[in-house]
N, C-alpha and C. Protein backbone atom coordinates (compact mmCIF):
# COMPACT_ATOMS: atom_id res chain seq x y z
N MET A 1 -13.85 -8.96 -7.64
CA MET A 1 -14.39 -9.51 -6.41
C MET A 1 -13.32 -10.31 -5.68
N PRO A 2 -13.20 -10.10 -4.38
CA PRO A 2 -12.23 -10.87 -3.61
C PRO A 2 -12.61 -12.35 -3.54
N LYS A 3 -11.61 -13.21 -3.61
CA LYS A 3 -11.81 -14.65 -3.42
C LYS A 3 -11.49 -14.97 -1.97
N ILE A 4 -12.43 -15.65 -1.32
CA ILE A 4 -12.25 -16.08 0.06
C ILE A 4 -12.33 -17.60 0.07
N THR A 5 -11.42 -18.25 0.77
CA THR A 5 -11.45 -19.70 0.90
C THR A 5 -11.92 -20.07 2.29
N TYR A 6 -12.99 -20.86 2.34
CA TYR A 6 -13.54 -21.39 3.57
C TYR A 6 -13.09 -22.84 3.66
N ILE A 7 -12.57 -23.23 4.80
CA ILE A 7 -12.13 -24.62 4.98
C ILE A 7 -12.96 -25.23 6.11
N GLU A 8 -13.72 -26.26 5.75
CA GLU A 8 -14.52 -26.96 6.75
C GLU A 8 -13.59 -27.67 7.73
N HIS A 9 -14.12 -28.04 8.88
CA HIS A 9 -13.33 -28.76 9.88
C HIS A 9 -12.77 -30.06 9.29
N SER A 10 -13.49 -30.66 8.36
CA SER A 10 -13.05 -31.91 7.72
C SER A 10 -11.90 -31.69 6.74
N GLY A 11 -11.64 -30.44 6.39
CA GLY A 11 -10.58 -30.12 5.42
C GLY A 11 -11.10 -29.77 4.04
N THR A 12 -12.39 -29.95 3.79
CA THR A 12 -12.97 -29.61 2.49
C THR A 12 -12.90 -28.11 2.29
N GLU A 13 -12.39 -27.69 1.13
CA GLU A 13 -12.23 -26.26 0.83
C GLU A 13 -13.29 -25.78 -0.14
N HIS A 14 -13.71 -24.55 0.06
CA HIS A 14 -14.66 -23.87 -0.82
C HIS A 14 -14.10 -22.47 -1.08
N THR A 15 -13.77 -22.17 -2.31
CA THR A 15 -13.29 -20.84 -2.65
C THR A 15 -14.38 -20.14 -3.46
N VAL A 16 -14.77 -18.97 -2.97
CA VAL A 16 -15.86 -18.24 -3.62
C VAL A 16 -15.47 -16.78 -3.83
N ASP A 17 -16.05 -16.18 -4.86
CA ASP A 17 -15.93 -14.74 -5.10
C ASP A 17 -17.03 -14.06 -4.31
N LEU A 18 -16.66 -13.06 -3.52
CA LEU A 18 -17.65 -12.34 -2.73
C LEU A 18 -17.63 -10.87 -3.07
N ALA A 19 -18.80 -10.30 -3.14
CA ALA A 19 -18.91 -8.87 -3.38
C ALA A 19 -18.44 -8.12 -2.14
N GLU A 20 -17.74 -7.02 -2.38
CA GLU A 20 -17.32 -6.18 -1.26
C GLU A 20 -18.56 -5.69 -0.51
N GLY A 21 -18.44 -5.61 0.79
CA GLY A 21 -19.55 -5.16 1.62
C GLY A 21 -20.33 -6.29 2.26
N LEU A 22 -20.32 -7.48 1.62
CA LEU A 22 -20.92 -8.63 2.29
C LEU A 22 -20.03 -8.98 3.47
N THR A 23 -20.53 -9.81 4.36
CA THR A 23 -19.70 -10.29 5.46
C THR A 23 -19.25 -11.72 5.16
N ILE A 24 -18.27 -12.17 5.90
CA ILE A 24 -17.80 -13.55 5.76
C ILE A 24 -18.96 -14.52 5.99
N MET A 25 -19.81 -14.22 6.97
CA MET A 25 -20.97 -15.07 7.24
C MET A 25 -21.94 -15.07 6.06
N GLU A 26 -22.27 -13.90 5.53
CA GLU A 26 -23.20 -13.83 4.40
C GLU A 26 -22.65 -14.58 3.20
N GLY A 27 -21.35 -14.48 2.96
CA GLY A 27 -20.74 -15.19 1.85
C GLY A 27 -20.90 -16.69 1.98
N ALA A 28 -20.73 -17.21 3.19
CA ALA A 28 -20.89 -18.65 3.42
C ALA A 28 -22.34 -19.08 3.25
N VAL A 29 -23.24 -18.36 3.89
CA VAL A 29 -24.66 -18.72 3.84
C VAL A 29 -25.18 -18.60 2.40
N ASN A 30 -24.85 -17.52 1.71
CA ASN A 30 -25.33 -17.31 0.34
C ASN A 30 -24.80 -18.35 -0.65
N ASN A 31 -23.66 -18.95 -0.33
CA ASN A 31 -23.06 -19.94 -1.22
C ASN A 31 -23.22 -21.37 -0.72
N GLY A 32 -24.04 -21.58 0.30
CA GLY A 32 -24.33 -22.92 0.79
C GLY A 32 -23.13 -23.65 1.37
N ILE A 33 -22.22 -22.90 1.96
CA ILE A 33 -21.03 -23.52 2.54
C ILE A 33 -21.38 -24.06 3.92
N PRO A 34 -21.20 -25.36 4.12
CA PRO A 34 -21.53 -25.93 5.43
C PRO A 34 -20.53 -25.50 6.50
N GLY A 35 -21.02 -25.41 7.73
CA GLY A 35 -20.14 -25.09 8.85
C GLY A 35 -20.35 -23.70 9.41
N ILE A 36 -21.09 -22.87 8.70
CA ILE A 36 -21.44 -21.54 9.21
C ILE A 36 -22.96 -21.42 9.09
N GLU A 37 -23.59 -21.21 10.23
CA GLU A 37 -25.05 -21.19 10.26
C GLU A 37 -25.63 -19.78 10.21
N GLY A 38 -25.09 -18.86 10.98
CA GLY A 38 -25.61 -17.49 10.98
C GLY A 38 -27.02 -17.39 11.49
N ASP A 39 -27.32 -18.06 12.59
CA ASP A 39 -28.70 -18.12 13.11
C ASP A 39 -29.32 -16.77 13.39
N CYS A 40 -28.54 -15.79 13.84
CA CYS A 40 -29.12 -14.48 14.19
C CYS A 40 -29.17 -13.55 12.99
N GLY A 41 -28.74 -14.02 11.83
CA GLY A 41 -28.81 -13.20 10.63
C GLY A 41 -27.79 -12.08 10.56
N GLY A 42 -26.79 -12.14 11.41
CA GLY A 42 -25.74 -11.13 11.36
C GLY A 42 -25.86 -10.03 12.40
N ALA A 43 -26.69 -10.25 13.42
CA ALA A 43 -26.91 -9.23 14.45
C ALA A 43 -25.91 -9.31 15.60
N CYS A 44 -24.93 -10.18 15.50
CA CYS A 44 -23.93 -10.37 16.56
C CYS A 44 -24.62 -10.77 17.86
N ALA A 45 -25.62 -11.65 17.73
CA ALA A 45 -26.39 -12.10 18.89
C ALA A 45 -26.25 -13.60 19.13
N CYS A 46 -25.32 -14.24 18.42
CA CYS A 46 -25.06 -15.66 18.63
C CYS A 46 -23.60 -15.89 18.21
N SER A 47 -23.19 -17.13 18.19
CA SER A 47 -21.82 -17.41 17.76
C SER A 47 -21.78 -18.47 16.67
N THR A 48 -22.87 -18.60 15.91
CA THR A 48 -22.96 -19.66 14.91
C THR A 48 -22.30 -19.33 13.58
N CYS A 49 -21.54 -18.24 13.56
CA CYS A 49 -20.76 -17.91 12.36
C CYS A 49 -19.28 -17.79 12.74
N HIS A 50 -18.92 -18.45 13.83
CA HIS A 50 -17.56 -18.44 14.35
C HIS A 50 -16.60 -19.05 13.32
N VAL A 51 -15.51 -18.35 13.05
CA VAL A 51 -14.46 -18.85 12.16
C VAL A 51 -13.09 -18.56 12.78
N TYR A 52 -12.10 -19.29 12.29
CA TYR A 52 -10.71 -19.02 12.63
C TYR A 52 -10.09 -18.37 11.40
N VAL A 53 -9.66 -17.14 11.54
CA VAL A 53 -9.05 -16.42 10.43
C VAL A 53 -7.58 -16.84 10.34
N ASP A 54 -7.14 -17.17 9.15
CA ASP A 54 -5.74 -17.53 8.96
C ASP A 54 -4.87 -16.43 9.56
N PRO A 55 -3.87 -16.80 10.36
CA PRO A 55 -3.05 -15.79 11.05
C PRO A 55 -2.44 -14.72 10.14
N ALA A 56 -2.20 -15.05 8.88
CA ALA A 56 -1.64 -14.05 7.96
C ALA A 56 -2.60 -12.90 7.71
N TRP A 57 -3.87 -13.08 8.04
CA TRP A 57 -4.89 -12.07 7.74
C TRP A 57 -5.44 -11.36 8.96
N THR A 58 -5.16 -11.84 10.17
CA THR A 58 -5.81 -11.27 11.34
C THR A 58 -5.53 -9.78 11.53
N ASP A 59 -4.33 -9.34 11.26
CA ASP A 59 -3.99 -7.92 11.44
C ASP A 59 -4.55 -7.02 10.35
N LYS A 60 -5.11 -7.60 9.30
CA LYS A 60 -5.63 -6.83 8.17
C LYS A 60 -7.13 -6.57 8.30
N LEU A 61 -7.74 -7.10 9.36
CA LEU A 61 -9.18 -6.95 9.55
C LEU A 61 -9.47 -5.80 10.50
N LYS A 62 -10.69 -5.29 10.41
CA LYS A 62 -11.09 -4.25 11.36
C LYS A 62 -11.05 -4.84 12.76
N GLU A 63 -10.77 -3.98 13.72
CA GLU A 63 -10.66 -4.42 15.10
C GLU A 63 -12.01 -4.91 15.62
N GLN A 64 -11.95 -5.89 16.51
CA GLN A 64 -13.17 -6.41 17.12
C GLN A 64 -13.79 -5.37 18.04
N GLU A 65 -15.11 -5.29 17.99
CA GLU A 65 -15.83 -4.45 18.94
C GLU A 65 -16.17 -5.30 20.17
N ASP A 66 -16.50 -4.65 21.27
CA ASP A 66 -16.75 -5.34 22.53
C ASP A 66 -17.84 -6.41 22.41
N MET A 67 -18.89 -6.13 21.65
CA MET A 67 -19.98 -7.08 21.51
C MET A 67 -19.50 -8.38 20.87
N GLU A 68 -18.65 -8.28 19.86
CA GLU A 68 -18.12 -9.48 19.22
C GLU A 68 -17.24 -10.27 20.20
N VAL A 69 -16.39 -9.57 20.92
CA VAL A 69 -15.53 -10.22 21.91
C VAL A 69 -16.39 -10.97 22.93
N ASP A 70 -17.46 -10.34 23.40
CA ASP A 70 -18.35 -10.97 24.37
C ASP A 70 -19.03 -12.21 23.79
N MET A 71 -19.50 -12.14 22.55
CA MET A 71 -20.18 -13.28 21.93
C MET A 71 -19.23 -14.45 21.67
N LEU A 72 -17.97 -14.16 21.44
CA LEU A 72 -17.00 -15.24 21.22
C LEU A 72 -16.80 -16.10 22.45
N ASP A 73 -17.19 -15.58 23.63
CA ASP A 73 -17.15 -16.40 24.84
C ASP A 73 -18.09 -17.59 24.73
N PHE A 74 -19.10 -17.50 23.87
CA PHE A 74 -20.07 -18.58 23.69
C PHE A 74 -19.72 -19.51 22.53
N ALA A 75 -18.68 -19.20 21.80
CA ALA A 75 -18.28 -20.00 20.64
C ALA A 75 -17.58 -21.28 21.07
N TYR A 76 -17.59 -22.25 20.19
CA TYR A 76 -16.91 -23.52 20.43
C TYR A 76 -15.41 -23.34 20.24
N GLU A 77 -14.65 -23.59 21.29
CA GLU A 77 -13.19 -23.53 21.28
C GLU A 77 -12.63 -22.27 20.62
N PRO A 78 -12.97 -21.09 21.18
CA PRO A 78 -12.40 -19.85 20.62
C PRO A 78 -10.89 -19.81 20.80
N LYS A 79 -10.24 -19.18 19.84
CA LYS A 79 -8.79 -19.03 19.85
C LYS A 79 -8.45 -17.56 19.61
N GLU A 80 -7.17 -17.26 19.64
CA GLU A 80 -6.73 -15.88 19.42
C GLU A 80 -7.17 -15.34 18.06
N ASN A 81 -7.27 -16.21 17.06
CA ASN A 81 -7.65 -15.78 15.72
C ASN A 81 -9.13 -16.00 15.41
N SER A 82 -9.94 -16.19 16.46
CA SER A 82 -11.39 -16.37 16.27
C SER A 82 -12.05 -15.05 15.94
N ARG A 83 -13.01 -15.13 15.03
CA ARG A 83 -13.86 -13.98 14.70
C ARG A 83 -15.26 -14.49 14.45
N LEU A 84 -16.24 -13.61 14.58
CA LEU A 84 -17.59 -13.90 14.13
C LEU A 84 -17.68 -13.42 12.70
N GLY A 85 -18.02 -14.32 11.80
CA GLY A 85 -18.07 -13.98 10.38
C GLY A 85 -19.00 -12.83 10.06
N CYS A 86 -20.04 -12.64 10.88
CA CYS A 86 -21.00 -11.55 10.63
C CYS A 86 -20.39 -10.19 10.92
N GLN A 87 -19.26 -10.16 11.60
CA GLN A 87 -18.63 -8.90 11.96
C GLN A 87 -17.40 -8.59 11.12
N VAL A 88 -17.21 -9.37 10.05
CA VAL A 88 -16.05 -9.17 9.17
C VAL A 88 -16.54 -8.83 7.77
N PRO A 89 -16.63 -7.54 7.44
CA PRO A 89 -17.05 -7.16 6.09
C PRO A 89 -15.93 -7.42 5.09
N VAL A 90 -16.33 -7.89 3.92
CA VAL A 90 -15.37 -8.20 2.87
C VAL A 90 -14.91 -6.92 2.17
N THR A 91 -13.60 -6.80 2.01
CA THR A 91 -13.01 -5.68 1.28
C THR A 91 -12.11 -6.23 0.19
N ALA A 92 -11.74 -5.39 -0.76
CA ALA A 92 -10.87 -5.81 -1.86
C ALA A 92 -9.54 -6.34 -1.34
N GLU A 93 -9.06 -5.78 -0.23
CA GLU A 93 -7.78 -6.20 0.34
C GLU A 93 -7.81 -7.61 0.89
N MET A 94 -8.99 -8.21 1.00
CA MET A 94 -9.12 -9.55 1.56
C MET A 94 -9.01 -10.63 0.50
N ASP A 95 -8.71 -10.27 -0.73
CA ASP A 95 -8.59 -11.26 -1.80
C ASP A 95 -7.54 -12.30 -1.42
N GLY A 96 -7.96 -13.56 -1.37
CA GLY A 96 -7.06 -14.66 -1.02
C GLY A 96 -7.15 -15.08 0.44
N MET A 97 -7.98 -14.42 1.22
CA MET A 97 -8.09 -14.74 2.64
C MET A 97 -8.62 -16.15 2.85
N VAL A 98 -8.15 -16.78 3.92
CA VAL A 98 -8.56 -18.14 4.28
C VAL A 98 -9.17 -18.10 5.68
N VAL A 99 -10.35 -18.72 5.81
CA VAL A 99 -10.97 -18.90 7.13
C VAL A 99 -11.28 -20.37 7.31
N ARG A 100 -11.13 -20.83 8.52
CA ARG A 100 -11.42 -22.22 8.86
C ARG A 100 -12.60 -22.27 9.83
N MET A 101 -13.40 -23.32 9.71
CA MET A 101 -14.54 -23.47 10.59
C MET A 101 -14.17 -24.38 11.75
N PRO A 102 -14.75 -24.11 12.92
CA PRO A 102 -14.54 -25.01 14.05
C PRO A 102 -15.27 -26.34 13.82
N GLU A 103 -15.02 -27.27 14.71
CA GLU A 103 -15.66 -28.59 14.60
C GLU A 103 -17.18 -28.49 14.60
N LYS A 104 -17.70 -27.53 15.39
CA LYS A 104 -19.14 -27.31 15.44
C LYS A 104 -19.42 -25.88 15.84
N GLN A 105 -20.65 -25.46 15.64
CA GLN A 105 -21.10 -24.13 16.02
C GLN A 105 -22.03 -24.28 17.22
N LEU A 106 -21.96 -23.34 18.14
CA LEU A 106 -22.84 -23.37 19.32
C LEU A 106 -23.83 -22.22 19.25
């Protein structure tokens, strides 16, 4: 199982093993990691699973679809490395990936 490290805005780190096929959002919600809410349940209909993917990993993820790009317009302080966690499925190649949470979710 790939290990993913979630870093809260405060700097608190949570490293968890995630089954392949889950999403970054599901991994956070299932493990009680604060900072990712996932209000829409993964339907790409909100931005409450917004994360900043460590730049070393951004090119290794599947490309963003238009719907995700549009929803990121509603996220708090989106950046070039912003993603919606519900749109990032976990793969074996993601072992060691780091994602950071914004100060708040909108």
